[in-house]
Protein backbone atom coordinates (compact mmCIF):
# COMPACT_ATOMS: atom_id res chain seq x y z
CA MET A 1 -16.79 50.82 -23.74
CA GLY A 2 -16.53 48.62 -20.61
CA PRO A 3 -19.16 50.58 -18.63
CA ILE A 4 -21.57 50.38 -21.58
CA LEU A 5 -21.15 46.60 -21.79
CA ALA A 6 -21.49 46.25 -18.02
CA ALA A 7 -24.66 48.37 -17.98
CA GLY A 8 -26.28 46.17 -20.59
CA ASN A 9 -25.09 42.83 -19.25
CA GLY A 10 -24.21 43.27 -15.58
CA ASP A 11 -20.74 43.11 -14.06
CA LYS A 12 -20.71 39.36 -13.41
CA VAL A 13 -21.88 38.47 -16.91
CA LEU A 14 -19.28 40.82 -18.38
CA LEU A 15 -16.56 39.29 -16.18
CA ASN A 16 -17.40 35.83 -17.51
CA MET A 17 -17.56 37.08 -21.10
CA LEU A 18 -14.15 38.76 -20.85
CA GLU A 19 -12.53 35.71 -19.23
CA ALA A 20 -13.87 33.52 -22.04
CA ALA A 21 -12.79 36.04 -24.69
CA LYS A 22 -9.25 36.11 -23.28
CA LYS A 23 -8.92 32.42 -24.14
CA VAL A 24 -9.58 33.04 -27.86
CA PRO A 25 -6.56 34.39 -29.77
CA THR A 26 -8.62 36.72 -31.98
CA THR A 27 -10.37 38.40 -29.03
CA GLU A 28 -7.66 38.16 -26.37
CA LYS A 29 -6.25 41.70 -26.84
CA LEU A 30 -9.64 43.39 -26.88
CA ALA A 31 -10.82 41.43 -23.84
CA SER A 32 -7.66 42.35 -21.92
CA LYS A 33 -8.13 46.01 -22.86
CA LEU A 34 -11.76 45.99 -21.71
CA GLN A 35 -10.84 44.18 -18.52
CA ASN A 36 -8.19 46.83 -17.84
CA GLU A 37 -10.81 49.56 -18.38
CA GLN A 38 -13.02 47.85 -15.82
CA ILE A 39 -10.17 47.72 -13.31
CA GLN A 40 -9.37 51.41 -13.85
CA GLY A 41 -13.05 52.26 -13.35
CA ARG A 42 -13.14 50.35 -10.07
CA LEU A 43 -9.92 52.04 -8.94
CA SER A 44 -11.35 55.48 -9.82
CA SER A 45 -14.49 54.77 -7.82
CA LYS A 46 -12.33 53.43 -4.96
CA LYS A 47 -14.09 50.07 -4.78
CA THR A 48 -12.26 48.20 -2.03
CA PRO A 49 -10.55 44.88 -2.71
CA SER A 50 -13.04 43.15 -0.43
CA ASP A 51 -15.94 44.59 -2.47
CA VAL A 52 -14.33 43.37 -5.69
CA PHE A 53 -13.69 40.00 -3.98
CA LYS A 54 -17.47 39.58 -3.71
CA LEU A 55 -18.08 40.94 -7.22
CA PHE A 56 -15.76 38.23 -8.56
CA ASP A 57 -17.73 35.59 -6.59
CA LEU A 58 -14.64 34.64 -4.61
CA ASP A 59 -16.82 34.61 -1.50
CA LYS A 60 -18.76 31.53 -2.64
CA ASN A 61 -16.44 28.53 -2.33
CA GLU A 62 -13.51 28.55 0.06
CA GLU A 63 -12.07 25.37 -1.43
CA ALA A 64 -11.75 26.94 -4.89
CA VAL A 65 -10.78 30.55 -4.18
CA PHE A 66 -7.19 30.26 -5.40
CA SER A 67 -8.18 28.21 -8.44
CA SER A 68 -10.95 30.59 -9.56
CA PRO A 69 -10.32 32.13 -13.00
CA PHE A 70 -10.98 35.53 -11.36
CA PHE A 71 -8.52 35.16 -8.49
CA LYS A 72 -5.53 36.38 -10.51
CA SER A 73 -7.50 39.46 -11.64
CA TRP A 74 -8.62 40.12 -8.07
CA LEU A 75 -5.08 39.81 -6.75
CA SER A 76 -3.88 42.29 -9.36
CA TYR A 77 -6.68 44.68 -8.34
CA PHE A 78 -5.78 44.17 -4.67
CA SER A 79 -2.17 45.24 -5.36
CA ASP A 80 -3.19 48.17 -7.60
CA PHE A 81 -5.75 49.44 -5.08
CA ASN A 82 -3.37 49.26 -2.13
CA GLY A 83 -0.65 51.01 -4.14
CA ALA A 84 -2.99 53.80 -5.27
CA ASN A 85 -4.79 54.22 -1.93
CA PRO A 86 -2.32 53.84 0.95
CA SER A 87 -4.77 55.40 3.43
CA MET A 88 -7.43 52.80 2.51
CA LYS A 89 -5.06 49.84 2.23
CA GLU A 90 -6.59 46.41 2.97
CA SER A 91 -4.82 43.27 4.11
CA LEU A 92 -5.34 39.90 2.47
CA HIS A 93 -6.72 38.69 5.77
CA TYR A 94 -9.39 41.41 5.87
CA SER A 95 -10.63 40.62 2.37
CA PHE A 96 -10.92 36.91 3.16
CA HIS A 97 -12.13 37.27 6.76
CA ARG A 98 -14.97 39.55 5.68
CA TYR A 99 -16.63 36.64 3.83
CA TYR A 100 -15.32 33.49 5.50
CA GLN A 101 -15.64 32.31 9.09
CA ASP A 102 -12.43 31.35 10.89
CA LEU A 103 -12.77 27.64 10.15
CA ASP A 104 -13.34 28.35 6.47
CA LEU A 105 -10.40 30.74 6.47
CA ALA A 106 -8.22 28.12 8.15
CA TRP A 107 -9.17 25.67 5.40
CA ILE A 108 -8.20 28.17 2.72
CA VAL A 109 -4.86 28.86 4.39
CA VAL A 110 -3.76 25.28 5.04
CA GLY A 111 -5.75 23.44 2.41
CA GLU A 112 -3.67 20.68 0.92
CA SER A 113 -3.98 21.81 -2.70
CA VAL A 114 -3.13 25.43 -1.79
CA MET A 115 0.04 24.49 0.08
CA LYS A 116 1.21 22.15 -2.71
CA ASN A 117 0.72 24.60 -5.57
CA PRO A 118 3.86 26.73 -6.08
CA ARG A 119 1.74 29.62 -7.41
CA THR A 120 -0.39 29.86 -4.26
CA VAL A 121 1.84 28.70 -1.41
CA GLN A 122 3.38 32.16 -0.86
CA LEU A 123 -0.06 33.78 -0.76
CA ALA A 124 -1.30 31.15 1.67
CA LYS A 125 1.70 31.78 3.92
CA GLN A 126 1.07 35.54 3.81
CA LEU A 127 -2.60 35.02 4.61
CA GLN A 128 -1.66 32.66 7.45
CA ALA A 129 0.76 35.24 8.92
CA GLU A 130 -1.84 38.04 8.67
CA ARG A 131 -4.45 35.77 10.27
CA LEU A 132 -2.14 35.00 13.20
CA ASP A 133 -1.27 38.70 13.60
CA TYR A 134 -4.99 39.57 13.61
CA ARG A 135 -5.74 36.93 16.24
CA LEU A 136 -2.89 38.13 18.46
CA ARG A 137 -4.00 41.77 18.16
CA THR A 138 -7.64 40.94 18.93
CA GLY A 139 -6.86 38.48 21.71
CA THR A 140 -8.53 35.50 20.07
CA SER A 141 -6.84 32.13 20.29
CA PRO A 142 -4.84 31.05 17.23
């Protein structure tokens, strides 16, 4: 059913519709089921986490990445993809670095609101560690 809805409405429109439907008690279960179908379809087609990052519009505003309603879904996809495709595994840093310049990425990693939010501080620390590792491996200054 998910692919039919996506074909008629487009992936981004469907994403917004499902997020809105998950907030309504009478449609929450169906929306979650359809969202899961979408995720399984993306996993089957081996869409990379960085491709899905863009699909979820997480590449648009570095100051609001972690607070986006789609970030939690993307993070779940990121984990599922890496678990199912060890040979194609992506790092958090790669997904972010693909769309954000270093200064933008630094803002995401050390942004005040990110480091104060208990739900995002661990992710920010992981991203910061991966960023430092990348810079050391490539010989760019941290």
